[in-house]
Protein backbone atom coordinates (compact mmCIF):
# COMPACT_ATOMS: atom_id res chain seq x y z
CA MET A 1 79.44 30.34 -15.58
CA PRO A 2 78.51 30.21 -19.06
CA GLY A 3 78.47 27.13 -20.92
CA VAL A 4 76.52 24.75 -23.40
CA VAL A 5 74.26 21.85 -22.38
CA PHE A 6 72.47 19.01 -24.29
CA LEU A 7 68.87 18.42 -23.39
CA GLN A 8 66.62 15.46 -24.82
CA GLY A 9 64.11 16.79 -27.06
CA GLN A 10 60.48 15.97 -27.56
CA ASP A 11 61.29 13.43 -30.15
CA GLY A 12 64.12 11.94 -28.17
CA VAL A 13 66.95 13.80 -30.05
CA PRO A 14 69.32 15.67 -27.84
CA GLU A 15 69.01 19.40 -28.40
CA ARG A 16 71.92 21.96 -27.74
CA HIS A 17 71.38 24.90 -25.47
CA THR A 18 73.29 27.71 -24.11
CA CYS A 19 73.77 27.85 -20.35
CA LEU A 20 73.79 31.20 -18.94
CA GLY A 21 74.80 30.20 -15.49
CA ALA A 22 74.62 27.28 -12.73
CA ARG A 23 74.07 27.19 -8.94
CA ALA A 24 74.72 24.04 -6.72
CA ARG A 25 72.60 23.43 -3.60
CA LEU A 26 73.30 20.85 -0.97
CA ARG A 27 70.59 18.59 -0.15
CA GLU A 28 70.29 17.03 3.38
CA PHE A 29 73.26 15.02 4.43
CA GLY A 30 73.88 12.08 2.44
CA LYS A 31 71.24 12.84 -0.14
CA GLY A 32 73.38 14.57 -2.86
CA VAL A 33 73.64 18.05 -4.52
CA SER A 34 70.96 19.79 -6.64
CA VAL A 35 72.24 21.85 -9.62
CA LEU A 36 70.13 24.84 -10.94
CA LEU A 37 70.75 25.59 -14.70
CA HIS A 38 70.09 29.06 -16.26
CA LEU A 39 68.93 28.14 -19.73
CA ASP A 40 68.23 30.50 -22.60
CA GLU A 41 64.77 31.65 -23.07
CA ALA A 42 64.03 29.43 -26.23
CA ALA A 43 64.79 26.17 -24.39
CA PHE A 44 62.62 27.32 -21.22
CA ASP A 45 59.92 27.71 -23.57
CA ARG A 46 60.26 24.45 -25.24
CA ARG A 47 60.42 22.51 -22.01
CA PHE A 48 57.25 24.19 -20.60
CA LYS A 49 55.32 23.40 -23.80
CA ILE A 50 56.34 19.79 -23.35
CA LEU A 51 55.35 19.97 -19.64
CA SER A 52 51.95 21.61 -20.83
CA ALA A 53 51.30 19.08 -23.39
CA LYS A 54 51.96 16.21 -21.09
CA LEU A 55 49.95 17.96 -18.42
CA HIS A 56 46.86 18.36 -20.83
CA ASP A 57 47.09 14.85 -21.88
CA ALA A 58 47.10 13.65 -18.19
CA ARG A 59 44.15 15.86 -17.56
CA ARG A 60 42.35 14.63 -20.83
CA ILE A 61 42.98 11.21 -19.66
CA MET A 62 41.58 11.87 -16.41
CA GLN A 63 38.41 13.43 -17.75
CA GLU A 64 38.00 10.31 -19.95
CA ARG A 65 38.25 8.13 -16.82
CA ARG A 66 35.82 10.25 -14.86
CA ARG A 67 33.30 9.88 -17.73
CA ARG A 68 33.65 6.28 -18.13
CA ALA A 69 33.50 5.98 -14.27
CA ARG A 70 30.15 8.19 -14.36
CA GLN A 71 28.67 5.97 -17.33
CA MET A 72 29.50 2.94 -15.21
CA GLN A 73 27.85 4.31 -12.05
CA ALA A 74 24.73 5.25 -14.31
CA LEU A 75 24.65 1.59 -15.75
CA LEU A 76 24.76 0.06 -12.23
CA GLU A 77 22.15 2.35 -10.79
CA GLU A 78 19.94 1.23 -13.87
CA ARG A 79 20.95 -2.22 -13.28
CA GLY A 80 19.69 -1.87 -9.58
CA ARG A 81 16.48 -0.31 -10.55
CA LEU A 82 15.85 -3.15 -13.22
CA LEU A 83 16.77 -5.83 -10.50
CA GLY A 84 14.20 -4.01 -8.25
CA ARG A 85 11.28 -4.15 -10.67
CA LEU A 86 12.20 -7.75 -11.40
CA GLU A 87 12.06 -8.61 -7.63
CA GLU A 88 8.76 -6.63 -7.58
CA ASP A 89 7.21 -8.50 -10.48
CA ALA A 90 8.35 -11.91 -8.95
CA ALA A 91 6.89 -11.02 -5.85
CA ALA A 92 3.74 -10.10 -7.40
CA ARG A 93 3.59 -13.14 -9.39
CA LYS A 94 4.57 -15.55 -6.57
CA ALA A 95 1.57 -13.52 -4.67
CA ALA A 96 -0.84 -14.08 -7.44
CA GLU A 97 0.15 -17.97 -7.73
CA GLN A 98 -0.58 -18.48 -4.01
CA GLU A 99 -3.85 -16.42 -4.27
CA ARG A 100 -4.63 -18.84 -7.17
CA ASP A 101 -3.75 -21.89 -5.59
CA LYS A 102 -5.86 -20.54 -2.66
CA VAL A 103 -8.86 -20.31 -4.87
CA LEU A 104 -8.52 -23.50 -6.69
CA ASN A 105 -8.23 -25.32 -3.08
CA ARG A 106 -11.60 -23.79 -2.03
CA LEU A 107 -13.00 -24.56 -5.27
CA TYR A 108 -11.83 -28.12 -4.88
CA ARG A 109 -13.03 -28.45 -1.39
CA ALA A 110 -16.40 -27.01 -2.30
CA GLY A 111 -16.80 -29.61 -5.36
CA GLN A 112 -15.91 -32.43 -2.86
CA ASP A 113 -18.29 -31.24 -0.25
CA GLU A 114 -21.04 -31.10 -3.09
CA ARG A 115 -20.26 -34.58 -4.25
CA ARG A 116 -20.54 -35.84 -0.82
CA ARG A 117 -23.74 -34.08 -0.15
CA LEU A 118 -25.23 -35.58 -3.51
CA ALA A 119 -24.02 -38.95 -2.66
CA ARG A 120 -25.66 -38.77 0.75
CA ASP A 121 -28.73 -37.47 -0.84
CA LEU A 122 -28.70 -40.23 -3.32
CA HIS A 123 -28.17 -42.90 -0.65
CA ASP A 124 -30.55 -41.68 1.80
CA HIS A 125 -33.43 -40.13 0.00
CA ALA A 126 -33.61 -41.97 -3.69
CA GLY A 127 -32.40 -45.25 -1.92
CA GLN A 128 -35.28 -45.23 0.65
CA HIS A 129 -37.86 -44.54 -1.93
CA LEU A 130 -36.53 -47.48 -4.18
CA VAL A 131 -36.76 -49.69 -0.77
CA ALA A 132 -40.33 -48.81 -0.22
CA LEU A 133 -41.19 -49.40 -4.04
CA ASN A 134 -39.55 -52.91 -3.73
CA PHE A 135 -41.64 -53.71 -0.63
CA GLY A 136 -44.84 -52.29 -2.22
CA LEU A 137 -44.28 -54.41 -5.24
CA ARG A 138 -43.72 -57.62 -3.25
CA ARG A 139 -46.79 -57.04 -1.35
CA LEU A 140 -48.73 -56.75 -4.43
CA THR A 141 -47.26 -59.95 -5.93
CA SER A 142 -48.95 -61.97 -3.04
CA HIS A 143 -52.27 -60.58 -4.16
CA LEU A 144 -52.23 -61.44 -7.76
CA THR A 145 -53.46 -64.41 -9.42
CA ASP A 146 -52.87 -63.82 -12.98
CA PRO A 147 -49.55 -65.07 -14.24
CA LYS A 148 -49.01 -62.58 -16.50
CA SER A 149 -49.64 -59.58 -13.91
CA ALA A 150 -46.99 -61.50 -11.65
CA TYR A 151 -44.59 -61.69 -14.45
CA GLU A 152 -44.92 -58.04 -15.09
CA ILE A 153 -44.45 -57.23 -11.40
CA ASP A 154 -41.31 -59.27 -11.35
CA LYS A 155 -40.06 -57.31 -14.29
CA LEU A 156 -40.66 -54.09 -12.32
CA LEU A 157 -38.95 -55.44 -9.32
CA LYS A 158 -36.09 -56.22 -11.41
CA GLN A 159 -35.82 -52.77 -12.90
CA ALA A 160 -36.21 -51.23 -9.42
CA GLN A 161 -33.17 -53.39 -8.32
CA ASP A 162 -31.32 -52.19 -11.40
CA ILE A 163 -32.00 -48.97 -10.34
CA GLY A 164 -30.77 -49.24 -6.73
CA SER A 165 -27.41 -50.93 -8.01
CA ALA A 166 -26.99 -47.99 -10.39
CA LEU A 167 -27.83 -45.44 -7.81
CA ARG A 168 -25.26 -47.28 -5.23
CA ARG A 169 -22.46 -47.31 -7.89
CA VAL A 170 -23.13 -43.46 -8.86
CA SER A 171 -23.03 -42.60 -4.84
CA LEU A 172 -19.70 -44.53 -4.53
CA GLU A 173 -18.31 -42.79 -7.53
CA LEU A 174 -19.10 -39.27 -5.99
CA ARG A 175 -17.94 -39.90 -2.47
CA PRO A 176 -17.17 -43.50 -1.20
CA PRO A 177 -18.33 -43.88 2.49
CA ALA A 178 -15.27 -45.76 3.28
CA LEU A 179 -13.09 -42.94 2.51
CA ASP A 180 -14.58 -40.88 5.40
CA GLU A 181 -15.03 -43.64 7.74
CA PHE A 182 -12.32 -45.94 7.26
CA GLY A 183 -9.53 -44.01 5.49
CA VAL A 184 -7.97 -44.02 2.04
CA VAL A 185 -6.17 -47.62 2.12
CA THR A 186 -9.72 -49.49 3.09
CA ALA A 187 -11.39 -47.33 0.35
CA LEU A 188 -9.00 -48.52 -2.30
CA ARG A 189 -9.34 -52.02 -1.33
CA HIS A 190 -12.95 -51.93 -1.72
CA LEU A 191 -12.53 -50.02 -4.98
CA VAL A 192 -10.11 -52.65 -6.33
CA ASN A 193 -12.09 -55.65 -5.02
CA GLU A 194 -15.34 -54.05 -6.76
CA TRP A 195 -13.64 -53.39 -9.94
CA GLY A 196 -12.31 -56.70 -10.23
CA ARG A 197 -15.60 -58.32 -9.14
CA ALA A 198 -17.48 -56.01 -11.88
CA THR A 199 -14.74 -56.52 -14.83
CA GLY A 200 -13.96 -60.09 -14.09
CA ILE A 201 -10.11 -59.31 -14.26
CA ALA A 202 -7.68 -60.49 -11.88
CA VAL A 203 -6.38 -57.24 -9.77
CA GLU A 204 -4.12 -57.02 -6.82
CA LEU A 205 -3.30 -54.09 -4.42
CA GLN A 206 0.14 -53.60 -3.14
CA LEU A 207 1.04 -51.00 -0.30
CA VAL A 208 4.80 -50.41 -0.04
CA GLY A 209 6.43 -48.79 3.00
CA PRO A 210 4.77 -47.61 6.21
CA GLU A 211 1.34 -46.31 5.54
CA SER A 212 1.34 -42.37 6.39
CA THR A 213 -1.57 -40.12 7.16
CA LEU A 214 -2.92 -38.17 4.12
CA SER A 215 -4.80 -34.75 4.04
CA THR A 216 -8.52 -35.12 2.76
CA GLU A 217 -7.41 -33.70 -0.70
CA LEU A 218 -4.57 -35.89 -1.23
CA ALA A 219 -6.51 -38.98 -0.03
CA ILE A 220 -9.07 -37.97 -2.48
CA THR A 221 -6.95 -37.35 -5.31
CA LEU A 222 -5.15 -40.78 -4.86
CA TYR A 223 -8.70 -42.39 -4.68
CA ARG A 224 -9.86 -40.60 -7.78
CA LEU A 225 -6.45 -41.27 -9.80
CA THR A 226 -6.90 -45.11 -9.15
CA GLN A 227 -10.39 -45.17 -9.96
CA GLU A 228 -9.74 -43.20 -13.46
CA ALA A 229 -6.72 -45.73 -14.03
CA LEU A 230 -8.75 -48.93 -13.53
CA THR A 231 -11.52 -47.25 -15.60
CA ASN A 232 -9.04 -46.69 -18.64
CA VAL A 233 -7.80 -50.21 -18.23
CA ALA A 234 -11.24 -51.64 -18.64
CA LYS A 235 -11.80 -49.38 -21.57
CA HIS A 236 -8.66 -49.39 -23.42
CA ALA A 237 -6.13 -51.94 -22.33
CA GLY A 238 -7.38 -54.51 -24.69
CA GLU A 239 -8.88 -57.39 -22.49
CA PRO A 240 -5.84 -57.74 -19.88
CA SER A 241 -5.69 -60.84 -17.57
CA HIS A 242 -4.03 -59.05 -14.69
CA VAL A 243 -3.94 -55.61 -13.24
CA SER A 244 -1.36 -54.57 -10.55
CA VAL A 245 -2.11 -51.35 -8.28
CA VAL A 246 0.83 -50.41 -6.23
CA VAL A 247 1.01 -47.46 -3.82
CA LEU A 248 4.50 -46.50 -2.53
CA PHE A 249 4.57 -44.51 0.83
CA SER A 250 7.85 -42.62 1.52
CA PRO A 251 8.57 -39.68 3.94
CA THR A 252 8.40 -37.20 1.22
CA HIS A 253 6.61 -38.63 -1.80
CA LEU A 254 3.42 -41.07 -2.68
CA THR A 255 3.75 -42.76 -5.92
CA LEU A 256 0.85 -44.75 -7.41
CA THR A 257 1.43 -47.33 -10.30
CA VAL A 258 -1.16 -49.25 -12.23
CA ASP A 259 0.02 -51.75 -14.62
CA ASP A 260 -1.68 -54.33 -16.70
CA ASN A 261 -0.82 -56.96 -19.30
CA GLY A 262 -3.24 -55.98 -22.00
CA VAL A 263 -2.34 -55.27 -25.80
CA GLY A 264 -3.48 -51.80 -25.70
CA PHE A 265 -4.79 -50.06 -28.61
CA GLU A 266 -3.95 -48.23 -31.72
CA ALA A 267 -3.15 -44.48 -31.03
């Protein structure tokens, strides 16, 4: 039957509309009644416009969300590509570093082999020639009656002995035989003792921890570091009276410490 109804407008203010008729329809049992209203055409147009605006806003929001989702997906894909390139660069750099280490190890071994060869040549060939020269000069001494000539021969013998000592020292510095024959600990003991005898400085060697088997490269490096440290003490420590060399063996580390009580030098 005709009448008047009030509907809430878009701005929240109730609006008065003519109702041209109504029909009641029962829902399922226990779920109430649906009422259908026949409103005037103007009210229908306004409600439809409101619904259309809301649908438009919802569509715009969904499109914006899709756009942002596509942007996020693109950013994620770009990030994945960047990570892939970074991983490739890191793998290439690691491979290059490994190849560099291999080349350096080969060069180091080649250098040590050359030092060993030179030390052997100096000891075997030059040493033998010096020994023969010493014997020859001594034989000449027994045939000389002139004191001046004997004195000159003695000077030559002294020079030959000095040359022999220098050759032995160079040979030991190039490659100590004890390092190959008896191991790094024995070589270090010999190095420390010879350094103390040559410099006149009291020096001691201490080994801490169970001695472990070292590779050839590590043994040579340890020997060279000790040798260089003692050389620096003799040159720059300022006349120390005592030097301590400590080698610490541990399951994962090898530590060398060289201490002296010298006054040092001005930097």
